[in-house]
Amino acid sequence: MKISLIVAKAKNNVIGKDNQLIWRLSSDLKLFKKHTTGHHIIMGRKTYESMGKPLPNRTSIVISRNKDFKIPEGHHLVNSLEEAIQLGISRNLDQVFIIGGAQIYKDAIQFCDEMLITEVDAEPDGDVFFPEFDSKAWKIVQSEQFSKDEKNEYDFKFVIYKRVNP
């Protein structure tokens, strides 16, 4: 099973503030939808709560220590990232996507086969950060530039990293 991490991060590694996205990037949301639709997406409880409901055409695997946390039927509640990954393996999934938040990203980098990173050309204030990673362990296999316009608040690059020597 391929484990992919997908994130939008600023130059200063900010990924959010007050449990919300901090920019308007329509093109990035379309890329997120294109890559994750039809797949299981793994996230922490706060990320799930920030969305308000499961995303259409995706199966949510929500990580929470609160066993009483309620999610809709057809989605899954697990206690750890390892349990989320084991669930994907047990369901014979081809691919899962790690979609946040910060602690889940930090824990998941070691397990990921690829990272799909929207690198936003901004340095906003935030309270949630994407962790540093060893750039020598990754190689860029694809990079696409997007320009600021009426639907995209900042210039950004969509970069796909593959693990070197997995």
C-alpha atoms as a PDB file:
ATOM      1  CA  MET A   1       0.000   0.000   0.000  1.00  0.00           C
ATOM      2  CA  LYS A   2       1.368   3.393  -0.965  1.00  0.00           C
ATOM      3  CA  ILE A   3       1.267   5.948   1.845  1.00  0.00           C
ATOM      4  CA  SER A   4       1.057   9.510   0.545  1.00  0.00           C
ATOM      5  CA  LEU A   5       1.181  12.681   2.591  1.00  0.00           C
ATOM      6  CA  ILE A   6      -0.558  15.753   1.167  1.00  0.00           C
ATOM      7  CA  VAL A   7      -0.189  19.244   2.615  1.00  0.00           C
ATOM      8  CA  ALA A   8      -0.150  22.942   1.759  1.00  0.00           C
ATOM      9  CA  LYS A   9       2.579  24.790   3.641  1.00  0.00           C
ATOM     10  CA  ALA A  10       4.009  28.284   3.617  1.00  0.00           C
ATOM     11  CA  LYS A  11       7.722  29.129   3.276  1.00  0.00           C
ATOM     12  CA  ASN A  12       7.873  29.330   7.089  1.00  0.00           C
ATOM     13  CA  ASN A  13       6.176  25.877   7.313  1.00  0.00           C
ATOM     14  CA  VAL A  14       2.872  27.344   8.603  1.00  0.00           C
ATOM     15  CA  ILE A  15      -0.067  25.100   7.698  1.00  0.00           C
ATOM     16  CA  GLY A  16      -2.871  26.655   9.722  1.00  0.00           C
ATOM     17  CA  LYS A  17      -4.140  28.972  12.390  1.00  0.00           C
ATOM     18  CA  ASP A  18      -7.016  28.489  14.819  1.00  0.00           C
ATOM     19  CA  ASN A  19      -7.755  25.076  13.244  1.00  0.00           C
ATOM     20  CA  GLN A  20      -8.382  26.657   9.827  1.00  0.00           C
ATOM     21  CA  LEU A  21      -6.650  27.018   6.477  1.00  0.00           C
ATOM     22  CA  ILE A  22      -5.093  30.451   6.171  1.00  0.00           C
ATOM     23  CA  TRP A  23      -5.247  31.131   2.434  1.00  0.00           C
ATOM     24  CA  ARG A  24      -7.551  30.936  -0.538  1.00  0.00           C
ATOM     25  CA  LEU A  25      -5.994  28.729  -3.204  1.00  0.00           C
ATOM     26  CA  SER A  26      -8.715  27.372  -5.469  1.00  0.00           C
ATOM     27  CA  SER A  27      -6.210  25.564  -7.700  1.00  0.00           C
ATOM     28  CA  ASP A  28      -4.686  23.808  -4.686  1.00  0.00           C
ATOM     29  CA  LEU A  29      -8.098  22.639  -3.472  1.00  0.00           C
ATOM     30  CA  LYS A  30      -8.713  21.189  -6.949  1.00  0.00           C
ATOM     31  CA  LEU A  31      -5.369  19.353  -6.803  1.00  0.00           C
ATOM     32  CA  PHE A  32      -6.241  18.006  -3.345  1.00  0.00           C
ATOM     33  CA  LYS A  33      -9.605  16.776  -4.624  1.00  0.00           C
ATOM     34  CA  LYS A  34      -8.079  15.247  -7.768  1.00  0.00           C
ATOM     35  CA  HIS A  35      -5.495  13.262  -5.815  1.00  0.00           C
ATOM     36  CA  THR A  36      -7.588  12.146  -2.826  1.00  0.00           C
ATOM     37  CA  THR A  37     -10.990  11.388  -4.410  1.00  0.00           C
ATOM     38  CA  GLY A  38     -11.782   7.695  -4.270  1.00  0.00           C
ATOM     39  CA  HIS A  39      -9.232   7.043  -1.527  1.00  0.00           C
ATOM     40  CA  HIS A  40      -9.113   6.672   2.234  1.00  0.00           C
ATOM     41  CA  ILE A  41      -7.798   9.810   3.961  1.00  0.00           C
ATOM     42  CA  ILE A  42      -6.132   9.640   7.374  1.00  0.00           C
ATOM     43  CA  MET A  43      -6.370  12.612   9.710  1.00  0.00           C
ATOM     44  CA  GLY A  44      -6.425  13.686  13.314  1.00  0.00           C
ATOM     45  CA  ARG A  45      -9.629  14.603  15.092  1.00  0.00           C
ATOM     46  CA  LYS A  46      -9.003  18.374  14.926  1.00  0.00           C
ATOM     47  CA  THR A  47      -8.491  18.214  11.158  1.00  0.00           C
ATOM     48  CA  TYR A  48     -11.715  16.225  10.826  1.00  0.00           C
ATOM     49  CA  GLU A  49     -13.589  18.749  13.004  1.00  0.00           C
ATOM     50  CA  SER A  50     -12.246  21.668  10.956  1.00  0.00           C
ATOM     51  CA  MET A  51     -13.845  20.152   7.839  1.00  0.00           C
ATOM     52  CA  GLY A  52     -17.182  19.750   9.609  1.00  0.00           C
ATOM     53  CA  LYS A  53     -18.120  16.524   7.811  1.00  0.00           C
ATOM     54  CA  PRO A  54     -16.525  13.771   5.745  1.00  0.00           C
ATOM     55  CA  LEU A  55     -15.287  14.869   2.331  1.00  0.00           C
ATOM     56  CA  PRO A  56     -17.357  13.520  -0.576  1.00  0.00           C
ATOM     57  CA  ASN A  57     -16.156  10.394  -2.380  1.00  0.00           C
ATOM     58  CA  ARG A  58     -13.483   9.658   0.216  1.00  0.00           C
ATOM     59  CA  THR A  59     -13.422   7.440   3.291  1.00  0.00           C
ATOM     60  CA  SER A  60     -12.199   9.162   6.446  1.00  0.00           C
ATOM     61  CA  ILE A  61      -9.985   7.407   8.972  1.00  0.00           C
ATOM     62  CA  VAL A  62      -9.963   9.673  12.021  1.00  0.00           C
ATOM     63  CA  ILE A  63      -7.316   9.287  14.721  1.00  0.00           C
ATOM     64  CA  SER A  64      -8.508  10.137  18.231  1.00  0.00           C
ATOM     65  CA  ARG A  65      -7.839   8.875  21.738  1.00  0.00           C
ATOM     66  CA  ASN A  66     -11.515   9.630  22.517  1.00  0.00           C
ATOM     67  CA  LYS A  67     -13.264   6.306  21.884  1.00  0.00           C
ATOM     68  CA  ASP A  68     -16.646   8.069  22.142  1.00  0.00           C
ATOM     69  CA  PHE A  69     -15.909  10.508  19.292  1.00  0.00           C
ATOM     70  CA  LYS A  70     -18.677  10.068  16.717  1.00  0.00           C
ATOM     71  CA  ILE A  71     -18.150   9.834  12.974  1.00  0.00           C
ATOM     72  CA  PRO A  72     -20.664   8.804  10.315  1.00  0.00           C
ATOM     73  CA  GLU A  73     -21.178   5.204   9.314  1.00  0.00           C
ATOM     74  CA  GLY A  74     -18.812   4.076   6.583  1.00  0.00           C
ATOM     75  CA  HIS A  75     -15.912   6.025   8.092  1.00  0.00           C
ATOM     76  CA  HIS A  76     -13.472   4.790  10.718  1.00  0.00           C
ATOM     77  CA  LEU A  77     -12.269   5.879  14.150  1.00  0.00           C
ATOM     78  CA  VAL A  78      -8.865   4.595  15.272  1.00  0.00           C
ATOM     79  CA  ASN A  79      -6.562   5.286  18.228  1.00  0.00           C
ATOM     80  CA  SER A  80      -3.215   5.744  16.438  1.00  0.00           C
ATOM     81  CA  LEU A  81      -1.508   6.357  13.125  1.00  0.00           C
ATOM     82  CA  GLU A  82      -0.224   2.783  13.195  1.00  0.00           C
ATOM     83  CA  GLU A  83      -3.792   1.513  13.605  1.00  0.00           C
ATOM     84  CA  ALA A  84      -4.907   3.707  10.683  1.00  0.00           C
ATOM     85  CA  ILE A  85      -2.185   2.263   8.455  1.00  0.00           C
ATOM     86  CA  GLN A  86      -3.022  -1.294   9.540  1.00  0.00           C
ATOM     87  CA  LEU A  87      -6.672  -0.637   8.671  1.00  0.00           C
ATOM     88  CA  GLY A  88      -5.620   0.378   5.153  1.00  0.00           C
ATOM     89  CA  ILE A  89      -3.486  -2.754   4.806  1.00  0.00           C
ATOM     90  CA  SER A  90      -6.270  -4.997   6.106  1.00  0.00           C
ATOM     91  CA  ARG A  91      -8.680  -3.498   3.549  1.00  0.00           C
ATOM     92  CA  ASN A  92      -6.169  -4.174   0.731  1.00  0.00           C
ATOM     93  CA  LEU A  93      -6.065  -0.513  -0.249  1.00  0.00           C
ATOM     94  CA  ASP A  94      -3.697   0.558  -3.037  1.00  0.00           C
ATOM     95  CA  GLN A  95      -3.085   3.976  -1.488  1.00  0.00           C
ATOM     96  CA  VAL A  96      -3.988   6.144   1.511  1.00  0.00           C
ATOM     97  CA  PHE A  97      -3.458   9.873   2.027  1.00  0.00           C
ATOM     98  CA  ILE A  98      -2.308  11.494   5.266  1.00  0.00           C
ATOM     99  CA  ILE A  99      -4.023  14.911   5.392  1.00  0.00           C
ATOM    100  CA  GLY A 100      -3.042  16.330   8.797  1.00  0.00           C
ATOM    101  CA  GLY A 101      -2.704  17.872  11.270  1.00  0.00           C
ATOM    102  CA  ALA A 102       0.784  18.767  12.390  1.00  0.00           C
ATOM    103  CA  GLN A 103       1.361  15.910  14.849  1.00  0.00           C
ATOM    104  CA  ILE A 104      -0.014  13.353  12.397  1.00  0.00           C
ATOM    105  CA  TYR A 105       2.319  14.729   9.689  1.00  0.00           C
ATOM    106  CA  LYS A 106       5.280  14.591  12.074  1.00  0.00           C
ATOM    107  CA  ASP A 107       4.534  10.978  12.992  1.00  0.00           C
ATOM    108  CA  ALA A 108       3.731   9.945   9.409  1.00  0.00           C
ATOM    109  CA  ILE A 109       6.777  11.217   7.507  1.00  0.00           C
ATOM    110  CA  GLN A 110       8.747   8.108   8.472  1.00  0.00           C
ATOM    111  CA  PHE A 111       6.071   5.854   6.915  1.00  0.00           C
ATOM    112  CA  CYS A 112       5.389   7.814   3.721  1.00  0.00           C
ATOM    113  CA  ASP A 113       6.359   6.735   0.233  1.00  0.00           C
ATOM    114  CA  GLU A 114       5.630  10.149  -1.246  1.00  0.00           C
ATOM    115  CA  MET A 115       4.771  13.682  -0.187  1.00  0.00           C
ATOM    116  CA  LEU A 116       2.557  15.966  -2.269  1.00  0.00           C
ATOM    117  CA  ILE A 117       3.411  19.429  -1.003  1.00  0.00           C
ATOM    118  CA  THR A 118       1.860  22.699  -2.065  1.00  0.00           C
ATOM    119  CA  GLU A 119       4.642  25.184  -1.348  1.00  0.00           C
ATOM    120  CA  VAL A 120       2.894  28.525  -0.832  1.00  0.00           C
ATOM    121  CA  ASP A 121       4.926  31.656  -1.540  1.00  0.00           C
ATOM    122  CA  ALA A 122       3.969  33.383   1.720  1.00  0.00           C
ATOM    123  CA  GLU A 123       5.074  33.658   5.355  1.00  0.00           C
ATOM    124  CA  PRO A 124       1.823  34.089   7.281  1.00  0.00           C
ATOM    125  CA  ASP A 125       1.296  33.988  11.028  1.00  0.00           C
ATOM    126  CA  GLY A 126       0.089  30.616  12.193  1.00  0.00           C
ATOM    127  CA  ASP A 127      -0.053  28.270  15.134  1.00  0.00           C
ATOM    128  CA  VAL A 128       0.362  24.950  13.320  1.00  0.00           C
ATOM    129  CA  PHE A 129       3.501  23.991  11.409  1.00  0.00           C
ATOM    130  CA  PHE A 130       4.606  21.276   9.015  1.00  0.00           C
ATOM    131  CA  PRO A 131       7.655  19.500  10.450  1.00  0.00           C
ATOM    132  CA  GLU A 132      11.131  19.834   9.004  1.00  0.00           C
ATOM    133  CA  PHE A 133      12.215  16.801   6.989  1.00  0.00           C
ATOM    134  CA  ASP A 134      15.519  15.465   5.716  1.00  0.00           C
ATOM    135  CA  SER A 135      15.647  16.683   2.108  1.00  0.00           C
ATOM    136  CA  LYS A 136      18.353  14.082   1.336  1.00  0.00           C
ATOM    137  CA  ALA A 137      15.785  11.335   1.936  1.00  0.00           C
ATOM    138  CA  TRP A 138      13.513  12.681  -0.809  1.00  0.00           C
ATOM    139  CA  LYS A 139      13.741  13.554  -4.486  1.00  0.00           C
ATOM    140  CA  ILE A 140      11.452  15.826  -6.462  1.00  0.00           C
ATOM    141  CA  VAL A 141       9.757  13.886  -9.255  1.00  0.00           C
ATOM    142  CA  GLN A 142       7.259  16.536 -10.344  1.00  0.00           C
ATOM    143  CA  SER A 143       6.852  20.267  -9.845  1.00  0.00           C
ATOM    144  CA  GLU A 144       4.200  22.599 -11.231  1.00  0.00           C
ATOM    145  CA  GLN A 145       4.070  26.368 -10.733  1.00  0.00           C
ATOM    146  CA  PHE A 146       0.787  28.256 -10.171  1.00  0.00           C
ATOM    147  CA  SER A 147       0.452  32.025 -10.274  1.00  0.00           C
ATOM    148  CA  LYS A 148      -1.529  34.312  -8.016  1.00  0.00           C
ATOM    149  CA  ASP A 149      -4.845  35.371  -9.575  1.00  0.00           C
ATOM    150  CA  GLU A 150      -8.417  36.201  -8.579  1.00  0.00           C
ATOM    151  CA  LYS A 151      -8.969  32.667  -7.204  1.00  0.00           C
ATOM    152  CA  ASN A 152      -5.491  32.053  -5.760  1.00  0.00           C
ATOM    153  CA  GLU A 153      -4.266  34.402  -3.064  1.00  0.00           C
ATOM    154  CA  TYR A 154      -0.557  33.540  -3.525  1.00  0.00           C
ATOM    155  CA  ASP A 155       1.852  32.062  -6.042  1.00  0.00           C
ATOM    156  CA  PHE A 156       2.549  28.432  -5.222  1.00  0.00           C
ATOM    157  CA  LYS A 157       4.263  25.290  -6.455  1.00  0.00           C
ATOM    158  CA  PHE A 158       2.771  21.806  -6.304  1.00  0.00           C
ATOM    159  CA  VAL A 159       5.697  19.459  -5.708  1.00  0.00           C
ATOM    160  CA  ILE A 160       5.711  15.673  -5.535  1.00  0.00           C
ATOM    161  CA  TYR A 161       8.542  14.135  -3.517  1.00  0.00           C
ATOM    162  CA  LYS A 162       9.359  10.413  -3.626  1.00  0.00           C
ATOM    163  CA  ARG A 163      11.375   8.732  -0.922  1.00  0.00           C
ATOM    164  CA  VAL A 164      14.926   7.878  -1.962  1.00  0.00           C
ATOM    165  CA  ASN A 165      15.829   4.245  -1.128  1.00  0.00           C
ATOM    166  CA  PRO A 166      12.522   3.336   0.508  1.00  0.00           C
END
